[in-house]
């Protein structure tokens, strides 16, 4: 089991989502996330603080500097032989504009929270649902 982080960057009730590469070799996902929409995020490195991992992932993937983070979700994500706990953060205080920084994301776009694209990466779908419902963890 590992730990991952996902960051819901929110501006004017719009969330930043990235379209994952359709090529499984470039999408780099244990959960078959190729071709799906996702939040900035990724694996937590050994010994790394969760908030620092979240800020690092946002910067590495989007070029955006995340400032203040708020814990909004914890999900238990299992598919096949992969098992991760995903820690979700909300960030409304950030600097910069999103740009593609890694090959696993084709593009970044802003979407209204009530009009999200499909298909969504399942851990991200759970994280956003928790945020909308105001719950941090739900079985």
C-alpha atoms as a PDB file:
ATOM      1  CA  UNK A   1       0.000   0.000   0.000  1.00  0.00           C
ATOM      2  CA  UNK A   2       1.189   3.489  -0.786  1.00  0.00           C
ATOM      3  CA  UNK A   3       0.058   7.050  -0.291  1.00  0.00           C
ATOM      4  CA  UNK A   4      -0.873   9.544  -2.942  1.00  0.00           C
ATOM      5  CA  UNK A   5      -2.005  13.159  -2.914  1.00  0.00           C
ATOM      6  CA  UNK A   6      -4.472  15.006  -5.089  1.00  0.00           C
ATOM      7  CA  UNK A   7      -4.930  18.777  -5.128  1.00  0.00           C
ATOM      8  CA  UNK A   8      -8.199  20.466  -6.013  1.00  0.00           C
ATOM      9  CA  UNK A   9      -7.094  23.870  -7.301  1.00  0.00           C
ATOM     10  CA  UNK A  10     -10.224  26.015  -7.130  1.00  0.00           C
ATOM     11  CA  UNK A  11     -10.732  29.419  -8.763  1.00  0.00           C
ATOM     12  CA  UNK A  12     -14.164  31.035  -9.279  1.00  0.00           C
ATOM     13  CA  UNK A  13     -15.871  27.696  -8.502  1.00  0.00           C
ATOM     14  CA  UNK A  14     -13.837  26.061 -11.272  1.00  0.00           C
ATOM     15  CA  UNK A  15     -11.420  23.182 -10.799  1.00  0.00           C
ATOM     16  CA  UNK A  16      -8.224  22.469 -12.732  1.00  0.00           C
ATOM     17  CA  UNK A  17      -8.194  19.032 -14.375  1.00  0.00           C
ATOM     18  CA  UNK A  18      -5.656  17.374 -16.623  1.00  0.00           C
ATOM     19  CA  UNK A  19      -6.417  14.984 -19.484  1.00  0.00           C
ATOM     20  CA  UNK A  20      -4.178  11.928 -19.039  1.00  0.00           C
ATOM     21  CA  UNK A  21      -2.336  10.533 -22.029  1.00  0.00           C
ATOM     22  CA  UNK A  22      -4.181   7.711 -23.839  1.00  0.00           C
ATOM     23  CA  UNK A  23      -0.935   5.725 -24.143  1.00  0.00           C
ATOM     24  CA  UNK A  24      -0.646   3.465 -21.042  1.00  0.00           C
ATOM     25  CA  UNK A  25       3.164   3.718 -21.189  1.00  0.00           C
ATOM     26  CA  UNK A  26       2.991   7.519 -20.979  1.00  0.00           C
ATOM     27  CA  UNK A  27       0.007   7.769 -18.602  1.00  0.00           C
ATOM     28  CA  UNK A  28       2.060   6.198 -15.763  1.00  0.00           C
ATOM     29  CA  UNK A  29      -0.908   4.942 -13.756  1.00  0.00           C
ATOM     30  CA  UNK A  30      -1.215   1.877 -11.546  1.00  0.00           C
ATOM     31  CA  UNK A  31      -5.011   2.282 -11.781  1.00  0.00           C
ATOM     32  CA  UNK A  32      -5.367   2.303 -15.591  1.00  0.00           C
ATOM     33  CA  UNK A  33      -6.007   6.048 -15.643  1.00  0.00           C
ATOM     34  CA  UNK A  34      -5.049   6.581 -19.278  1.00  0.00           C
ATOM     35  CA  UNK A  35      -7.382   8.895 -21.177  1.00  0.00           C
ATOM     36  CA  UNK A  36      -9.122  10.036 -17.995  1.00  0.00           C
ATOM     37  CA  UNK A  37      -9.361  13.459 -16.354  1.00  0.00           C
ATOM     38  CA  UNK A  38      -7.393  13.932 -13.142  1.00  0.00           C
ATOM     39  CA  UNK A  39      -6.251  16.466 -10.569  1.00  0.00           C
ATOM     40  CA  UNK A  40      -2.615  17.409 -10.101  1.00  0.00           C
ATOM     41  CA  UNK A  41      -1.100  14.892  -7.710  1.00  0.00           C
ATOM     42  CA  UNK A  42       0.901  11.742  -7.328  1.00  0.00           C
ATOM     43  CA  UNK A  43       2.830   9.490  -4.994  1.00  0.00           C
ATOM     44  CA  UNK A  44       4.201  10.631  -1.653  1.00  0.00           C
ATOM     45  CA  UNK A  45       7.943  10.011  -1.418  1.00  0.00           C
ATOM     46  CA  UNK A  46       9.331   8.117   1.579  1.00  0.00           C
ATOM     47  CA  UNK A  47       9.686  10.486   4.549  1.00  0.00           C
ATOM     48  CA  UNK A  48       7.917  13.363   2.771  1.00  0.00           C
ATOM     49  CA  UNK A  49       5.293  15.470   4.540  1.00  0.00           C
ATOM     50  CA  UNK A  50       1.875  15.179   2.873  1.00  0.00           C
ATOM     51  CA  UNK A  51       1.494  18.933   2.289  1.00  0.00           C
ATOM     52  CA  UNK A  52       4.985  19.156   0.818  1.00  0.00           C
ATOM     53  CA  UNK A  53       4.235  16.228  -1.508  1.00  0.00           C
ATOM     54  CA  UNK A  54       1.049  17.976  -2.656  1.00  0.00           C
ATOM     55  CA  UNK A  55       2.846  21.274  -3.323  1.00  0.00           C
ATOM     56  CA  UNK A  56       5.696  19.474  -5.114  1.00  0.00           C
ATOM     57  CA  UNK A  57       3.331  17.509  -7.347  1.00  0.00           C
ATOM     58  CA  UNK A  58       1.342  20.623  -8.317  1.00  0.00           C
ATOM     59  CA  UNK A  59       4.531  22.485  -9.225  1.00  0.00           C
ATOM     60  CA  UNK A  60       6.048  19.529 -11.129  1.00  0.00           C
ATOM     61  CA  UNK A  61       2.869  18.828 -13.118  1.00  0.00           C
ATOM     62  CA  UNK A  62       1.444  22.317 -13.736  1.00  0.00           C
ATOM     63  CA  UNK A  63       4.118  24.928 -12.962  1.00  0.00           C
ATOM     64  CA  UNK A  64       1.710  26.430 -10.394  1.00  0.00           C
ATOM     65  CA  UNK A  65       2.987  27.308  -6.913  1.00  0.00           C
ATOM     66  CA  UNK A  66       0.432  26.121  -4.341  1.00  0.00           C
ATOM     67  CA  UNK A  67       0.502  28.167  -1.144  1.00  0.00           C
ATOM     68  CA  UNK A  68      -2.104  27.258   1.479  1.00  0.00           C
ATOM     69  CA  UNK A  69      -3.604  23.770   1.502  1.00  0.00           C
ATOM     70  CA  UNK A  70      -6.605  22.420   3.409  1.00  0.00           C
ATOM     71  CA  UNK A  71      -7.259  18.693   3.956  1.00  0.00           C
ATOM     72  CA  UNK A  72     -10.593  17.796   2.319  1.00  0.00           C
ATOM     73  CA  UNK A  73     -10.553  14.059   1.609  1.00  0.00           C
ATOM     74  CA  UNK A  74      -9.071  10.670   2.399  1.00  0.00           C
ATOM     75  CA  UNK A  75      -9.980   7.801   0.078  1.00  0.00           C
ATOM     76  CA  UNK A  76      -9.102   4.116   0.082  1.00  0.00           C
ATOM     77  CA  UNK A  77      -8.359   3.259  -3.545  1.00  0.00           C
ATOM     78  CA  UNK A  78      -7.978  -0.385  -4.603  1.00  0.00           C
ATOM     79  CA  UNK A  79      -7.915  -1.765  -8.150  1.00  0.00           C
ATOM     80  CA  UNK A  80      -6.344  -5.054  -9.128  1.00  0.00           C
ATOM     81  CA  UNK A  81      -3.058  -5.375  -7.265  1.00  0.00           C
ATOM     82  CA  UNK A  82      -2.719  -1.629  -6.600  1.00  0.00           C
ATOM     83  CA  UNK A  83      -3.750  -0.137  -3.240  1.00  0.00           C
ATOM     84  CA  UNK A  84      -3.342   3.531  -2.334  1.00  0.00           C
ATOM     85  CA  UNK A  85      -4.731   5.905   0.233  1.00  0.00           C
ATOM     86  CA  UNK A  86      -5.289   9.214  -1.522  1.00  0.00           C
ATOM     87  CA  UNK A  87      -5.067  12.362   0.584  1.00  0.00           C
ATOM     88  CA  UNK A  88      -6.999  15.232  -1.001  1.00  0.00           C
ATOM     89  CA  UNK A  89      -6.233  18.895  -0.465  1.00  0.00           C
ATOM     90  CA  UNK A  90      -8.050  22.075  -1.459  1.00  0.00           C
ATOM     91  CA  UNK A  91      -5.948  24.993  -2.672  1.00  0.00           C
ATOM     92  CA  UNK A  92      -7.496  28.388  -3.406  1.00  0.00           C
ATOM     93  CA  UNK A  93      -4.256  30.313  -2.829  1.00  0.00           C
ATOM     94  CA  UNK A  94      -1.839  29.682  -5.679  1.00  0.00           C
ATOM     95  CA  UNK A  95       0.384  31.509  -8.158  1.00  0.00           C
ATOM     96  CA  UNK A  96       0.913  30.973 -11.871  1.00  0.00           C
ATOM     97  CA  UNK A  97      -0.911  29.542 -14.858  1.00  0.00           C
ATOM     98  CA  UNK A  98      -1.241  25.836 -15.646  1.00  0.00           C
ATOM     99  CA  UNK A  99       0.973  24.426 -18.342  1.00  0.00           C
ATOM    100  CA  UNK A 100       1.832  20.870 -19.354  1.00  0.00           C
ATOM    101  CA  UNK A 101       5.077  19.875 -17.643  1.00  0.00           C
ATOM    102  CA  UNK A 102       5.098  16.056 -17.929  1.00  0.00           C
ATOM    103  CA  UNK A 103       4.274  13.545 -20.692  1.00  0.00           C
ATOM    104  CA  UNK A 104       1.460  11.828 -18.763  1.00  0.00           C
ATOM    105  CA  UNK A 105      -0.837  14.896 -19.143  1.00  0.00           C
ATOM    106  CA  UNK A 106      -1.947  16.142 -22.564  1.00  0.00           C
ATOM    107  CA  UNK A 107      -3.572  19.393 -21.388  1.00  0.00           C
ATOM    108  CA  UNK A 108      -4.919  21.259 -18.349  1.00  0.00           C
ATOM    109  CA  UNK A 109      -8.378  22.869 -18.359  1.00  0.00           C
ATOM    110  CA  UNK A 110     -10.653  24.621 -15.865  1.00  0.00           C
ATOM    111  CA  UNK A 111     -14.132  23.122 -15.343  1.00  0.00           C
ATOM    112  CA  UNK A 112     -17.156  24.205 -13.314  1.00  0.00           C
ATOM    113  CA  UNK A 113     -17.566  21.953 -10.260  1.00  0.00           C
ATOM    114  CA  UNK A 114     -21.098  21.091 -11.376  1.00  0.00           C
ATOM    115  CA  UNK A 115     -20.068  20.312 -14.977  1.00  0.00           C
ATOM    116  CA  UNK A 116     -17.075  17.964 -14.842  1.00  0.00           C
ATOM    117  CA  UNK A 117     -15.787  16.056 -17.890  1.00  0.00           C
ATOM    118  CA  UNK A 118     -15.952  12.299 -18.366  1.00  0.00           C
ATOM    119  CA  UNK A 119     -14.333   9.916 -17.947  1.00  0.00           C
ATOM    120  CA  UNK A 120     -12.870  10.844 -14.559  1.00  0.00           C
ATOM    121  CA  UNK A 121     -10.005   8.998 -12.866  1.00  0.00           C
ATOM    122  CA  UNK A 122     -11.810   7.059 -10.094  1.00  0.00           C
ATOM    123  CA  UNK A 123      -9.716   8.259  -7.094  1.00  0.00           C
ATOM    124  CA  UNK A 124     -10.279  11.868  -8.265  1.00  0.00           C
ATOM    125  CA  UNK A 125     -14.004  11.280  -8.695  1.00  0.00           C
ATOM    126  CA  UNK A 126     -14.183  10.048  -5.083  1.00  0.00           C
ATOM    127  CA  UNK A 127     -12.083  12.990  -3.828  1.00  0.00           C
ATOM    128  CA  UNK A 128     -14.286  15.587  -5.551  1.00  0.00           C
ATOM    129  CA  UNK A 129     -17.447  13.824  -4.318  1.00  0.00           C
ATOM    130  CA  UNK A 130     -16.135  13.992  -0.739  1.00  0.00           C
ATOM    131  CA  UNK A 131     -15.416  17.710  -1.196  1.00  0.00           C
ATOM    132  CA  UNK A 132     -18.889  18.438  -2.589  1.00  0.00           C
ATOM    133  CA  UNK A 133     -20.552  16.467   0.228  1.00  0.00           C
ATOM    134  CA  UNK A 134     -18.372  18.052   2.920  1.00  0.00           C
ATOM    135  CA  UNK A 135     -17.066  14.719   4.228  1.00  0.00           C
ATOM    136  CA  UNK A 136     -13.415  13.801   4.592  1.00  0.00           C
ATOM    137  CA  UNK A 137     -13.771  10.005   4.604  1.00  0.00           C
ATOM    138  CA  UNK A 138     -16.582   7.692   3.609  1.00  0.00           C
ATOM    139  CA  UNK A 139     -16.482   3.894   3.159  1.00  0.00           C
END
